[in-house]
């Protein structure tokens, strides 16, 4: 009985170690791919940064492309999970669209690697994105969340009825991506620190006002 319990405990510990190793590899790989792009990233460097071996990367992910696909999936899953944590169905429609916009803004500012990864994938014309079947499903919650809010807003007369969820999502995303993707060049050209706390707070409010002003009936 004691031997059986010890065997179970060792098995659980190995599983935890495997999960920790996989999570660390994903974290470091996210940094490397976002900094150097898919073509420039090297599996050897990722292995060195994680103090593991190239062999372990191939064991968990099958190689460089498999690791990159896992990074993409994890990055998109993070923003979708953040959106679902908002519980927008408990908010009034106008409050809900503002909070969705603000949450997206905060996520993109707090995860600049995500913006760089999206840029990298667009450089490659989305050729890797299409290989992650789960990502097709990950886009659905974002649209559904906004669809539900817009439907409630139309029913109550608070929100206009001639826009759809994808249009709203595109507006919010474009504003938020610009804030991070162009922070260096925009800041240089206009002498403004786009990431300064006061600037960030003001731009966050502006986004909320834009979205609410556009959608209000």
N, C-alpha and C. Protein backbone atom coordinates (compact mmCIF):
# COMPACT_ATOMS: atom_id res chain seq x y z
N UNK A 1 0.83 -1.21 0.00
CA UNK A 1 0.00 0.00 0.00
C UNK A 1 0.87 1.26 0.00
N UNK A 2 1.91 1.27 0.82
CA UNK A 2 2.83 2.41 0.91
C UNK A 2 3.54 2.58 -0.42
N UNK A 3 3.98 1.45 -1.02
CA UNK A 3 4.68 1.51 -2.31
C UNK A 3 3.78 2.08 -3.39
N UNK A 4 2.50 1.70 -3.36
CA UNK A 4 1.55 2.21 -4.34
C UNK A 4 1.36 3.71 -4.21
N UNK A 5 1.23 4.18 -2.96
CA UNK A 5 1.05 5.61 -2.71
C UNK A 5 2.27 6.40 -3.16
N UNK A 6 3.47 5.87 -2.87
CA UNK A 6 4.70 6.54 -3.28
C UNK A 6 4.79 6.60 -4.81
N UNK A 7 4.35 5.52 -5.44
CA UNK A 7 4.39 5.47 -6.90
C UNK A 7 3.46 6.52 -7.50
N UNK A 8 2.28 6.68 -6.90
CA UNK A 8 1.32 7.69 -7.37
C UNK A 8 1.89 9.08 -7.17
N UNK A 9 2.50 9.32 -6.01
CA UNK A 9 3.07 10.64 -5.71
C UNK A 9 4.19 10.98 -6.68
N UNK A 10 5.03 9.99 -6.99
CA UNK A 10 6.12 10.23 -7.94
C UNK A 10 5.58 10.52 -9.33
N UNK A 11 4.52 9.81 -9.71
CA UNK A 11 3.90 10.04 -11.01
C UNK A 11 3.31 11.44 -11.10
N UNK A 12 2.66 11.89 -10.03
CA UNK A 12 2.08 13.23 -10.00
C UNK A 12 3.16 14.30 -10.05
N UNK A 13 4.27 14.05 -9.36
CA UNK A 13 5.38 15.00 -9.35
C UNK A 13 6.00 15.11 -10.74
N UNK A 14 6.13 13.97 -11.45
CA UNK A 14 6.66 14.00 -12.81
C UNK A 14 5.75 14.80 -13.73
N UNK A 15 4.44 14.64 -13.53
CA UNK A 15 3.49 15.40 -14.34
C UNK A 15 3.61 16.90 -14.08
N UNK A 16 3.78 17.27 -12.79
CA UNK A 16 3.95 18.68 -12.46
C UNK A 16 5.24 19.22 -13.06
N UNK A 17 6.30 18.44 -13.01
CA UNK A 17 7.57 18.86 -13.60
C UNK A 17 7.41 19.08 -15.10
N UNK A 18 6.69 18.16 -15.74
CA UNK A 18 6.48 18.27 -17.19
C UNK A 18 5.68 19.52 -17.52
N UNK A 19 4.66 19.81 -16.72
CA UNK A 19 3.85 21.00 -16.94
C UNK A 19 4.66 22.27 -16.73
N UNK A 20 5.52 22.27 -15.70
CA UNK A 20 6.37 23.44 -15.44
C UNK A 20 7.35 23.65 -16.59
N UNK A 21 7.95 22.55 -17.05
CA UNK A 21 8.91 22.65 -18.16
C UNK A 21 8.24 23.18 -19.41
N UNK A 22 7.07 22.65 -19.71
CA UNK A 22 6.34 23.08 -20.91
C UNK A 22 5.95 24.56 -20.80
N UNK A 23 5.48 24.97 -19.62
CA UNK A 23 5.08 26.36 -19.42
C UNK A 23 6.28 27.30 -19.56
N UNK A 24 7.42 26.89 -19.02
CA UNK A 24 8.62 27.72 -19.12
C UNK A 24 9.08 27.84 -20.57
N UNK A 25 9.03 26.73 -21.30
CA UNK A 25 9.41 26.76 -22.71
C UNK A 25 8.51 27.70 -23.50
N UNK A 26 7.22 27.66 -23.23
CA UNK A 26 6.28 28.54 -23.93
C UNK A 26 6.55 30.01 -23.60
N UNK A 27 6.84 30.29 -22.34
CA UNK A 27 7.10 31.67 -21.92
C UNK A 27 8.34 32.23 -22.61
N UNK A 28 9.40 31.46 -22.59
CA UNK A 28 10.65 31.93 -23.21
C UNK A 28 10.51 31.97 -24.73
N UNK A 29 9.88 30.97 -25.30
CA UNK A 29 9.69 30.94 -26.75
C UNK A 29 8.86 32.13 -27.22
N UNK A 30 7.88 32.55 -26.42
CA UNK A 30 7.08 33.73 -26.75
C UNK A 30 7.98 34.96 -26.87
N UNK A 31 8.91 35.11 -25.93
CA UNK A 31 9.84 36.24 -25.96
C UNK A 31 10.73 36.18 -27.21
N UNK A 32 11.27 35.00 -27.47
CA UNK A 32 12.22 34.85 -28.59
C UNK A 32 11.53 35.06 -29.93
N UNK A 33 10.40 34.43 -30.14
CA UNK A 33 9.69 34.58 -31.40
C UNK A 33 9.21 36.02 -31.61
N UNK A 34 8.77 36.67 -30.53
CA UNK A 34 8.28 38.05 -30.67
C UNK A 34 9.42 39.03 -30.91
N UNK A 35 10.60 38.70 -30.39
CA UNK A 35 11.76 39.58 -30.56
C UNK A 35 12.44 39.37 -31.92
N UNK A 36 12.51 38.12 -32.37
CA UNK A 36 13.33 37.79 -33.54
C UNK A 36 12.53 37.29 -34.74
N UNK A 37 11.22 37.13 -34.56
CA UNK A 37 10.41 36.61 -35.65
C UNK A 37 10.57 35.10 -35.78
N UNK A 38 9.73 34.53 -36.63
CA UNK A 38 9.79 33.07 -36.80
C UNK A 38 11.10 32.65 -37.47
N UNK A 39 11.50 33.38 -38.51
CA UNK A 39 12.70 33.00 -39.26
C UNK A 39 13.97 33.18 -38.44
N UNK A 40 14.01 34.24 -37.62
CA UNK A 40 15.23 34.53 -36.86
C UNK A 40 15.37 33.74 -35.58
N UNK A 41 14.28 33.24 -35.05
CA UNK A 41 14.34 32.51 -33.78
C UNK A 41 15.07 31.18 -33.94
N UNK A 42 15.85 30.83 -32.91
CA UNK A 42 16.61 29.58 -32.94
C UNK A 42 16.21 28.71 -31.75
N UNK A 43 15.97 27.45 -32.04
CA UNK A 43 15.61 26.50 -30.99
C UNK A 43 16.73 26.38 -29.96
N UNK A 44 17.98 26.45 -30.43
CA UNK A 44 19.13 26.37 -29.52
C UNK A 44 19.09 27.48 -28.48
N UNK A 45 18.75 28.68 -28.91
CA UNK A 45 18.71 29.81 -27.98
C UNK A 45 17.59 29.63 -26.94
N UNK A 46 16.44 29.15 -27.40
CA UNK A 46 15.33 28.90 -26.47
C UNK A 46 15.72 27.86 -25.44
N UNK A 47 16.41 26.83 -25.89
CA UNK A 47 16.87 25.78 -24.97
C UNK A 47 17.85 26.35 -23.95
N UNK A 48 18.76 27.20 -24.42
CA UNK A 48 19.75 27.81 -23.51
C UNK A 48 19.08 28.69 -22.47
N UNK A 49 18.11 29.48 -22.88
CA UNK A 49 17.43 30.40 -21.95
C UNK A 49 16.62 29.65 -20.90
N UNK A 50 16.16 28.46 -21.23
CA UNK A 50 15.35 27.69 -20.29
C UNK A 50 16.16 26.65 -19.54
N UNK A 51 17.45 26.60 -19.82
CA UNK A 51 18.34 25.62 -19.18
C UNK A 51 17.83 24.19 -19.39
N UNK A 52 17.27 23.97 -20.57
CA UNK A 52 16.85 22.61 -20.92
C UNK A 52 17.60 22.22 -22.18
N UNK A 53 17.15 21.19 -22.86
CA UNK A 53 17.85 20.71 -24.05
C UNK A 53 16.97 20.85 -25.28
N UNK A 54 17.62 20.93 -26.42
CA UNK A 54 16.91 20.98 -27.70
C UNK A 54 16.04 19.73 -27.85
N UNK A 55 16.55 18.64 -27.35
CA UNK A 55 15.81 17.38 -27.43
C UNK A 55 14.47 17.46 -26.70
N UNK A 56 14.45 18.17 -25.55
CA UNK A 56 13.21 18.29 -24.79
C UNK A 56 12.18 19.13 -25.56
N UNK A 57 12.64 20.14 -26.28
CA UNK A 57 11.73 20.95 -27.09
C UNK A 57 11.09 20.08 -28.17
N UNK A 58 11.90 19.25 -28.79
CA UNK A 58 11.36 18.35 -29.81
C UNK A 58 10.43 17.31 -29.18
N UNK A 59 10.72 16.93 -27.95
CA UNK A 59 9.87 15.95 -27.27
C UNK A 59 8.48 16.53 -26.99
N UNK A 60 8.43 17.78 -26.50
CA UNK A 60 7.16 18.41 -26.14
C UNK A 60 6.41 18.97 -27.34
N UNK A 61 7.14 19.51 -28.32
CA UNK A 61 6.47 20.26 -29.38
C UNK A 61 6.76 19.75 -30.79
N UNK A 62 7.67 18.82 -30.93
CA UNK A 62 7.95 18.26 -32.25
C UNK A 62 8.90 19.06 -33.10
N UNK A 63 9.33 20.23 -32.62
CA UNK A 63 10.26 21.04 -33.38
C UNK A 63 9.92 22.52 -33.31
N UNK A 64 10.63 23.31 -34.10
CA UNK A 64 10.48 24.76 -34.07
C UNK A 64 9.07 25.20 -34.46
N UNK A 65 8.54 24.65 -35.54
CA UNK A 65 7.21 25.08 -35.97
C UNK A 65 6.15 24.68 -34.95
N UNK A 66 6.26 23.49 -34.40
CA UNK A 66 5.30 23.06 -33.39
C UNK A 66 5.32 23.95 -32.17
N UNK A 67 6.52 24.38 -31.78
CA UNK A 67 6.66 25.29 -30.64
C UNK A 67 6.03 26.64 -30.97
N UNK A 68 6.28 27.14 -32.17
CA UNK A 68 5.71 28.43 -32.58
C UNK A 68 4.19 28.38 -32.61
N UNK A 69 3.64 27.28 -33.11
CA UNK A 69 2.18 27.13 -33.15
C UNK A 69 1.60 27.10 -31.74
N UNK A 70 2.30 26.45 -30.82
CA UNK A 70 1.84 26.40 -29.43
C UNK A 70 1.90 27.79 -28.80
N UNK A 71 2.90 28.57 -29.15
CA UNK A 71 3.02 29.95 -28.66
C UNK A 71 1.85 30.80 -29.16
N UNK A 72 1.54 30.67 -30.44
CA UNK A 72 0.42 31.42 -31.01
C UNK A 72 -0.90 31.05 -30.31
N UNK A 73 -1.12 29.76 -30.14
CA UNK A 73 -2.36 29.32 -29.50
C UNK A 73 -2.47 29.86 -28.08
N UNK A 74 -1.38 29.78 -27.32
CA UNK A 74 -1.39 30.25 -25.93
C UNK A 74 -1.64 31.75 -25.86
N UNK A 75 -1.05 32.50 -26.81
CA UNK A 75 -1.20 33.96 -26.81
C UNK A 75 -2.65 34.36 -27.09
N UNK A 76 -3.26 33.73 -28.06
CA UNK A 76 -4.65 34.05 -28.38
C UNK A 76 -5.60 33.54 -27.31
N UNK A 77 -5.28 32.42 -26.72
CA UNK A 77 -6.13 31.87 -25.67
C UNK A 77 -6.15 32.81 -24.46
N UNK A 78 -5.02 33.46 -24.17
CA UNK A 78 -4.93 34.35 -23.01
C UNK A 78 -5.90 35.53 -23.13
N UNK A 79 -5.97 36.15 -24.30
CA UNK A 79 -6.87 37.29 -24.46
C UNK A 79 -8.32 36.84 -24.44
N UNK A 80 -8.62 35.68 -25.00
CA UNK A 80 -10.00 35.18 -24.97
C UNK A 80 -10.43 34.86 -23.54
N UNK A 81 -9.53 34.28 -22.75
CA UNK A 81 -9.87 33.97 -21.35
C UNK A 81 -10.09 35.25 -20.55
N UNK A 82 -9.30 36.28 -20.85
CA UNK A 82 -9.47 37.56 -20.16
C UNK A 82 -10.84 38.15 -20.48
N UNK A 83 -11.25 38.04 -21.73
CA UNK A 83 -12.57 38.57 -22.13
C UNK A 83 -13.70 37.84 -21.40
N UNK A 84 -13.56 36.52 -21.30
CA UNK A 84 -14.61 35.75 -20.65
C UNK A 84 -14.69 36.04 -19.15
N UNK A 85 -13.58 36.43 -18.56
CA UNK A 85 -13.55 36.73 -17.13
C UNK A 85 -14.29 38.03 -16.80
N UNK A 86 -14.62 38.79 -17.83
CA UNK A 86 -15.28 40.08 -17.63
C UNK A 86 -16.73 39.93 -17.17
N UNK A 87 -17.38 38.82 -17.56
CA UNK A 87 -18.80 38.59 -17.23
C UNK A 87 -19.64 39.78 -17.70
N UNK A 88 -19.50 40.08 -18.98
CA UNK A 88 -20.19 41.24 -19.57
C UNK A 88 -21.70 41.12 -19.49
N UNK A 89 -22.21 39.90 -19.39
CA UNK A 89 -23.66 39.71 -19.34
C UNK A 89 -24.27 40.27 -18.06
N UNK A 90 -23.41 40.56 -17.07
CA UNK A 90 -23.90 41.14 -15.82
C UNK A 90 -23.86 42.67 -15.84
N UNK A 91 -23.38 43.24 -16.94
CA UNK A 91 -23.25 44.70 -17.05
C UNK A 91 -24.29 45.26 -18.01
N UNK A 92 -24.67 46.51 -17.80
CA UNK A 92 -25.54 47.19 -18.75
C UNK A 92 -24.80 47.28 -20.09
N UNK A 93 -25.49 47.25 -21.22
CA UNK A 93 -24.83 47.23 -22.54
C UNK A 93 -23.78 48.31 -22.74
N UNK A 94 -24.10 49.55 -22.38
CA UNK A 94 -23.14 50.64 -22.57
C UNK A 94 -21.90 50.42 -21.70
N UNK A 95 -22.10 50.00 -20.47
CA UNK A 95 -20.98 49.72 -19.58
C UNK A 95 -20.16 48.54 -20.10
N UNK A 96 -20.85 47.56 -20.67
CA UNK A 96 -20.18 46.35 -21.15
C UNK A 96 -19.24 46.66 -22.32
N UNK A 97 -19.70 47.45 -23.29
CA UNK A 97 -18.83 47.74 -24.44
C UNK A 97 -17.63 48.57 -24.01
N UNK A 98 -17.83 49.47 -23.05
CA UNK A 98 -16.69 50.24 -22.55
C UNK A 98 -15.69 49.34 -21.85
N UNK A 99 -16.17 48.42 -21.03
CA UNK A 99 -15.27 47.53 -20.30
C UNK A 99 -14.54 46.58 -21.24
N UNK A 100 -15.21 46.11 -22.28
CA UNK A 100 -14.54 45.24 -23.26
C UNK A 100 -13.41 46.00 -23.94
N UNK A 101 -13.67 47.24 -24.31
CA UNK A 101 -12.65 48.06 -24.95
C UNK A 101 -11.47 48.30 -24.00
N UNK A 102 -11.77 48.63 -22.75
CA UNK A 102 -10.72 48.90 -21.77
C UNK A 102 -9.92 47.65 -21.46
N UNK A 103 -10.59 46.52 -21.38
CA UNK A 103 -9.88 45.27 -21.10
C UNK A 103 -8.91 44.94 -22.23
N UNK A 104 -9.36 45.11 -23.47
CA UNK A 104 -8.49 44.86 -24.62
C UNK A 104 -7.29 45.79 -24.60
N UNK A 105 -7.55 47.06 -24.29
CA UNK A 105 -6.48 48.05 -24.20
C UNK A 105 -5.45 47.63 -23.15
N UNK A 106 -5.91 47.26 -21.97
CA UNK A 106 -5.01 46.86 -20.89
C UNK A 106 -4.21 45.61 -21.26
N UNK A 107 -4.90 44.63 -21.86
CA UNK A 107 -4.21 43.39 -22.24
C UNK A 107 -3.08 43.69 -23.22
N UNK A 108 -3.35 44.48 -24.24
CA UNK A 108 -2.32 44.73 -25.26
C UNK A 108 -1.15 45.53 -24.70
N UNK A 109 -1.44 46.46 -23.80
CA UNK A 109 -0.35 47.21 -23.17
C UNK A 109 0.49 46.30 -22.26
N UNK A 110 -0.17 45.39 -21.58
CA UNK A 110 0.53 44.51 -20.64
C UNK A 110 1.21 43.32 -21.32
N UNK A 111 0.85 43.05 -22.58
CA UNK A 111 1.43 41.91 -23.30
C UNK A 111 1.92 42.35 -24.68
N UNK A 112 2.95 43.21 -24.70
CA UNK A 112 3.45 43.68 -26.00
C UNK A 112 3.96 42.56 -26.89
N UNK A 113 4.38 41.45 -26.29
CA UNK A 113 4.84 40.31 -27.09
C UNK A 113 3.71 39.79 -27.98
N UNK A 114 2.49 39.88 -27.50
CA UNK A 114 1.34 39.43 -28.29
C UNK A 114 1.23 40.26 -29.56
N UNK A 115 1.41 41.57 -29.45
CA UNK A 115 1.31 42.45 -30.60
C UNK A 115 2.42 42.12 -31.61
N UNK A 116 3.63 41.88 -31.10
CA UNK A 116 4.73 41.55 -32.01
C UNK A 116 4.49 40.21 -32.69
N UNK A 117 3.93 39.24 -31.96
CA UNK A 117 3.63 37.93 -32.55
C UNK A 117 2.61 38.07 -33.67
N UNK A 118 1.58 38.88 -33.45
CA UNK A 118 0.57 39.10 -34.49
C UNK A 118 1.22 39.74 -35.71
N UNK A 119 2.13 40.68 -35.49
CA UNK A 119 2.84 41.33 -36.60
C UNK A 119 3.69 40.32 -37.36
N UNK A 120 4.38 39.46 -36.63
CA UNK A 120 5.21 38.42 -37.25
C UNK A 120 4.35 37.51 -38.12
N UNK A 121 3.21 37.11 -37.58
CA UNK A 121 2.35 36.19 -38.33
C UNK A 121 1.76 36.86 -39.56
N UNK A 122 1.47 38.14 -39.48
CA UNK A 122 0.97 38.85 -40.67
C UNK A 122 2.06 39.01 -41.73
N UNK A 123 3.30 39.15 -41.29
CA UNK A 123 4.42 39.19 -42.25
C UNK A 123 4.46 37.90 -43.06
N UNK A 124 4.12 36.80 -42.39
CA UNK A 124 4.10 35.49 -43.06
C UNK A 124 2.73 35.16 -43.64
N UNK A 125 1.87 36.20 -43.77
CA UNK A 125 0.55 36.05 -44.39
C UNK A 125 -0.33 35.02 -43.68
N UNK A 126 -0.13 34.88 -42.38
CA UNK A 126 -0.97 33.99 -41.59
C UNK A 126 -0.81 32.51 -41.93
N UNK A 127 0.33 32.14 -42.51
CA UNK A 127 0.50 30.76 -42.97
C UNK A 127 0.57 29.75 -41.83
N UNK A 128 1.02 30.19 -40.66
CA UNK A 128 1.08 29.27 -39.52
C UNK A 128 -0.24 29.23 -38.77
N UNK A 129 -0.91 30.38 -38.72
CA UNK A 129 -2.15 30.48 -37.97
C UNK A 129 -3.17 29.44 -38.44
N UNK A 130 -3.22 29.23 -39.74
CA UNK A 130 -4.18 28.29 -40.31
C UNK A 130 -3.92 26.84 -39.93
N UNK A 131 -2.74 26.58 -39.39
CA UNK A 131 -2.40 25.21 -39.01
C UNK A 131 -2.85 24.87 -37.59
N UNK A 132 -3.31 25.88 -36.85
CA UNK A 132 -3.79 25.66 -35.48
C UNK A 132 -5.31 25.68 -35.53
N UNK A 133 -5.91 24.51 -35.64
CA UNK A 133 -7.35 24.41 -35.83
C UNK A 133 -8.12 25.05 -34.68
N UNK A 134 -7.59 24.96 -33.47
CA UNK A 134 -8.30 25.50 -32.30
C UNK A 134 -8.44 27.01 -32.36
N UNK A 135 -7.56 27.69 -33.12
CA UNK A 135 -7.63 29.15 -33.20
C UNK A 135 -8.90 29.61 -33.90
N UNK A 136 -9.44 28.80 -34.78
CA UNK A 136 -10.70 29.16 -35.43
C UNK A 136 -11.80 29.28 -34.38
N UNK A 137 -11.78 28.36 -33.44
CA UNK A 137 -12.78 28.38 -32.37
C UNK A 137 -12.50 29.50 -31.37
N UNK A 138 -11.22 29.87 -31.22
CA UNK A 138 -10.89 30.91 -30.25
C UNK A 138 -11.39 32.28 -30.69
N UNK A 139 -11.63 32.47 -31.97
CA UNK A 139 -12.17 33.74 -32.44
C UNK A 139 -13.64 33.88 -32.13
N UNK A 140 -14.32 32.75 -31.98
CA UNK A 140 -15.77 32.78 -31.77
C UNK A 140 -16.19 33.47 -30.48
N UNK A 141 -15.54 33.19 -29.34
CA UNK A 141 -15.99 33.85 -28.09
C UNK A 141 -15.95 35.37 -28.15
N UNK A 142 -14.94 35.93 -28.83
CA UNK A 142 -14.85 37.40 -28.92
C UNK A 142 -16.05 37.97 -29.66
N UNK A 143 -16.41 37.34 -30.79
CA UNK A 143 -17.55 37.80 -31.56
C UNK A 143 -18.85 37.56 -30.80
N UNK A 144 -18.95 36.40 -30.17
CA UNK A 144 -20.18 36.06 -29.43
C UNK A 144 -20.40 37.02 -28.26
N UNK A 145 -19.32 37.36 -27.58
CA UNK A 145 -19.41 38.27 -26.44
C UNK A 145 -19.99 39.61 -26.89
N UNK A 146 -19.44 40.15 -27.97
CA UNK A 146 -19.93 41.43 -28.48
C UNK A 146 -21.32 41.30 -29.07
N UNK A 147 -21.59 40.18 -29.74
CA UNK A 147 -22.93 39.94 -30.30
C UNK A 147 -24.00 40.02 -29.22
N UNK A 148 -23.71 39.37 -28.10
CA UNK A 148 -24.68 39.36 -27.00
C UNK A 148 -24.91 40.75 -26.44
N UNK A 149 -23.81 41.50 -26.25
CA UNK A 149 -23.93 42.85 -25.71
C UNK A 149 -24.69 43.75 -26.69
N UNK A 150 -24.36 43.66 -27.98
CA UNK A 150 -25.03 44.49 -28.98
C UNK A 150 -26.52 44.14 -29.06
N UNK A 151 -26.84 42.85 -28.98
CA UNK A 151 -28.24 42.43 -29.05
C UNK A 151 -29.03 42.99 -27.86
N UNK A 152 -28.43 42.95 -26.68
CA UNK A 152 -29.11 43.50 -25.49
C UNK A 152 -29.28 45.01 -25.62
N UNK A 153 -28.24 45.65 -26.17
CA UNK A 153 -28.29 47.10 -26.34
C UNK A 153 -29.33 47.53 -27.36
N UNK A 154 -29.45 46.75 -28.44
CA UNK A 154 -30.48 47.07 -29.44
C UNK A 154 -31.87 46.88 -28.86
N UNK A 155 -32.04 45.80 -28.09
CA UNK A 155 -33.35 45.51 -27.50
C UNK A 155 -33.77 46.60 -26.51
N UNK A 156 -32.81 47.16 -25.79
CA UNK A 156 -33.14 48.19 -24.79
C UNK A 156 -33.17 49.59 -25.39
N UNK A 157 -32.73 49.70 -26.65
CA UNK A 157 -32.71 51.01 -27.30
C UNK A 157 -31.49 51.84 -26.97
N UNK A 158 -30.52 51.24 -26.28
CA UNK A 158 -29.31 51.98 -25.89
C UNK A 158 -28.24 52.01 -26.97
N UNK A 159 -28.18 50.95 -27.79
CA UNK A 159 -27.14 50.84 -28.81
C UNK A 159 -27.75 50.78 -30.20
N UNK A 160 -27.03 51.33 -31.16
CA UNK A 160 -27.51 51.36 -32.54
C UNK A 160 -27.57 49.95 -33.12
N UNK A 161 -28.35 49.78 -34.17
CA UNK A 161 -28.57 48.44 -34.71
C UNK A 161 -27.91 48.17 -36.03
N UNK A 162 -27.09 49.11 -36.55
CA UNK A 162 -26.53 48.93 -37.89
C UNK A 162 -25.04 48.58 -37.88
N UNK A 163 -24.55 48.04 -36.79
CA UNK A 163 -23.15 47.58 -36.74
C UNK A 163 -23.14 46.13 -36.27
N UNK A 164 -22.07 45.41 -36.64
CA UNK A 164 -21.96 44.04 -36.15
C UNK A 164 -20.73 43.87 -35.27
N UNK A 165 -20.65 42.72 -34.64
CA UNK A 165 -19.62 42.48 -33.63
C UNK A 165 -18.21 42.55 -34.21
N UNK A 166 -18.03 42.05 -35.42
CA UNK A 166 -16.69 42.05 -36.02
C UNK A 166 -16.22 43.47 -36.28
N UNK A 167 -17.14 44.36 -36.71
CA UNK A 167 -16.77 45.76 -36.91
C UNK A 167 -16.29 46.39 -35.60
N UNK A 168 -17.01 46.12 -34.53
CA UNK A 168 -16.66 46.67 -33.22
C UNK A 168 -15.31 46.11 -32.76
N UNK A 169 -15.14 44.81 -32.93
CA UNK A 169 -13.89 44.15 -32.53
C UNK A 169 -12.71 44.75 -33.31
N UNK A 170 -12.90 44.99 -34.61
CA UNK A 170 -11.84 45.55 -35.44
C UNK A 170 -11.47 46.97 -34.99
N UNK A 171 -12.48 47.78 -34.69
CA UNK A 171 -12.22 49.14 -34.22
C UNK A 171 -11.39 49.13 -32.93
N UNK A 172 -11.82 48.33 -31.98
CA UNK A 172 -11.12 48.26 -30.69
C UNK A 172 -9.70 47.74 -30.89
N UNK A 173 -9.56 46.67 -31.65
CA UNK A 173 -8.23 46.06 -31.86
C UNK A 173 -7.28 47.01 -32.57
N UNK A 174 -7.77 47.70 -33.59
CA UNK A 174 -6.88 48.59 -34.35
C UNK A 174 -6.32 49.70 -33.47
N UNK A 175 -7.16 50.28 -32.63
CA UNK A 175 -6.72 51.34 -31.71
C UNK A 175 -5.69 50.79 -30.72
N UNK A 176 -5.99 49.63 -30.15
CA UNK A 176 -5.12 49.06 -29.11
C UNK A 176 -3.79 48.58 -29.67
N UNK A 177 -3.82 47.98 -30.86
CA UNK A 177 -2.58 47.50 -31.48
C UNK A 177 -1.69 48.69 -31.82
N UNK A 178 -2.26 49.75 -32.36
CA UNK A 178 -1.47 50.93 -32.72
C UNK A 178 -0.71 51.48 -31.52
N UNK A 179 -1.39 51.52 -30.37
CA UNK A 179 -0.78 52.06 -29.16
C UNK A 179 0.56 51.40 -28.83
N UNK A 180 0.63 50.10 -29.06
CA UNK A 180 1.82 49.33 -28.69
C UNK A 180 2.78 49.19 -29.88
N UNK A 181 2.23 48.83 -31.04
CA UNK A 181 3.08 48.55 -32.20
C UNK A 181 3.84 49.78 -32.67
N UNK A 182 3.24 50.96 -32.52
CA UNK A 182 3.87 52.19 -33.03
C UNK A 182 4.37 53.11 -31.92
N UNK A 183 4.48 52.58 -30.72
CA UNK A 183 4.89 53.41 -29.59
C UNK A 183 6.25 54.07 -29.83
N UNK A 184 7.21 53.32 -30.36
CA UNK A 184 8.57 53.86 -30.55
C UNK A 184 8.60 54.92 -31.64
N UNK A 185 8.03 54.62 -32.81
CA UNK A 185 8.10 55.57 -33.93
C UNK A 185 7.22 56.78 -33.69
N UNK A 186 6.01 56.58 -33.19
CA UNK A 186 5.10 57.68 -32.91
C UNK A 186 5.68 58.57 -31.82
N UNK A 187 6.26 57.93 -30.81
CA UNK A 187 6.86 58.69 -29.72
C UNK A 187 8.02 59.54 -30.20
N UNK A 188 8.84 58.99 -31.09
CA UNK A 188 9.98 59.75 -31.63
C UNK A 188 9.51 60.92 -32.48
N UNK A 189 8.54 60.68 -33.36
CA UNK A 189 8.09 61.72 -34.28
C UNK A 189 7.38 62.87 -33.58
N UNK A 190 6.64 62.56 -32.51
CA UNK A 190 5.83 63.58 -31.86
C UNK A 190 6.28 63.91 -30.44
N UNK A 191 7.39 63.30 -30.01
CA UNK A 191 7.94 63.63 -28.71
C UNK A 191 7.02 63.28 -27.55
N UNK A 192 6.33 62.15 -27.67
CA UNK A 192 5.40 61.75 -26.63
C UNK A 192 5.67 60.30 -26.23
N UNK A 193 5.77 60.08 -24.93
CA UNK A 193 5.97 58.72 -24.42
C UNK A 193 4.61 58.03 -24.38
N UNK A 194 4.37 57.18 -25.36
CA UNK A 194 3.06 56.52 -25.50
C UNK A 194 2.76 55.56 -24.35
N UNK A 195 3.81 55.13 -23.64
CA UNK A 195 3.63 54.14 -22.58
C UNK A 195 3.64 54.77 -21.19
N UNK A 196 3.78 56.10 -21.11
CA UNK A 196 3.75 56.78 -19.81
C UNK A 196 2.38 56.57 -19.17
N UNK A 197 2.34 56.38 -17.85
CA UNK A 197 1.06 56.09 -17.16
C UNK A 197 -0.04 57.10 -17.45
N UNK A 198 0.28 58.41 -17.44
CA UNK A 198 -0.76 59.41 -17.67
C UNK A 198 -1.28 59.37 -19.10
N UNK A 199 -0.36 59.13 -20.05
CA UNK A 199 -0.77 59.02 -21.46
C UNK A 199 -1.61 57.77 -21.66
N UNK A 200 -1.16 56.68 -21.05
CA UNK A 200 -1.91 55.44 -21.15
C UNK A 200 -3.33 55.59 -20.61
N UNK A 201 -3.47 56.22 -19.45
CA UNK A 201 -4.79 56.41 -18.84
C UNK A 201 -5.69 57.26 -19.74
N UNK A 202 -5.11 58.31 -20.31
CA UNK A 202 -5.90 59.19 -21.17
C UNK A 202 -6.36 58.46 -22.43
N UNK A 203 -5.45 57.72 -23.04
CA UNK A 203 -5.80 56.99 -24.26
C UNK A 203 -6.82 55.88 -23.97
N UNK A 204 -6.74 55.32 -22.80
CA UNK A 204 -7.72 54.29 -22.40
C UNK A 204 -9.12 54.90 -22.30
N UNK A 205 -9.19 56.09 -21.72
CA UNK A 205 -10.49 56.79 -21.61
C UNK A 205 -11.01 57.18 -22.99
N UNK A 206 -10.10 57.65 -23.84
CA UNK A 206 -10.49 58.05 -25.20
C UNK A 206 -11.11 56.88 -25.95
N UNK A 207 -10.48 55.71 -25.84
CA UNK A 207 -11.02 54.53 -26.53
C UNK A 207 -12.43 54.22 -26.04
N UNK A 208 -12.61 54.22 -24.73
CA UNK A 208 -13.94 53.96 -24.18
C UNK A 208 -14.97 54.96 -24.69
N UNK A 209 -14.58 56.23 -24.74
CA UNK A 209 -15.50 57.28 -25.22
C UNK A 209 -15.82 57.09 -26.70
N UNK A 210 -14.81 56.72 -27.49
CA UNK A 210 -15.03 56.51 -28.93
C UNK A 210 -16.03 55.38 -29.16
N UNK A 211 -15.80 54.26 -28.50
CA UNK A 211 -16.64 53.09 -28.72
C UNK A 211 -18.08 53.36 -28.25
N UNK A 212 -18.21 53.93 -27.05
CA UNK A 212 -19.54 54.22 -26.53
C UNK A 212 -20.24 55.28 -27.38
N UNK A 213 -19.51 56.32 -27.78
CA UNK A 213 -20.10 57.37 -28.60
C UNK A 213 -20.57 56.86 -29.95
N UNK A 214 -19.79 55.98 -30.56
CA UNK A 214 -20.14 55.41 -31.86
C UNK A 214 -21.35 54.49 -31.76
N UNK A 215 -21.39 53.68 -30.72
CA UNK A 215 -22.43 52.66 -30.61
C UNK A 215 -23.73 53.16 -29.98
N UNK A 216 -23.68 54.26 -29.25
CA UNK A 216 -24.89 54.73 -28.57
C UNK A 216 -25.96 55.14 -29.58
N UNK A 217 -27.19 54.73 -29.30
CA UNK A 217 -28.31 55.03 -30.21
C UNK A 217 -28.65 56.52 -30.11
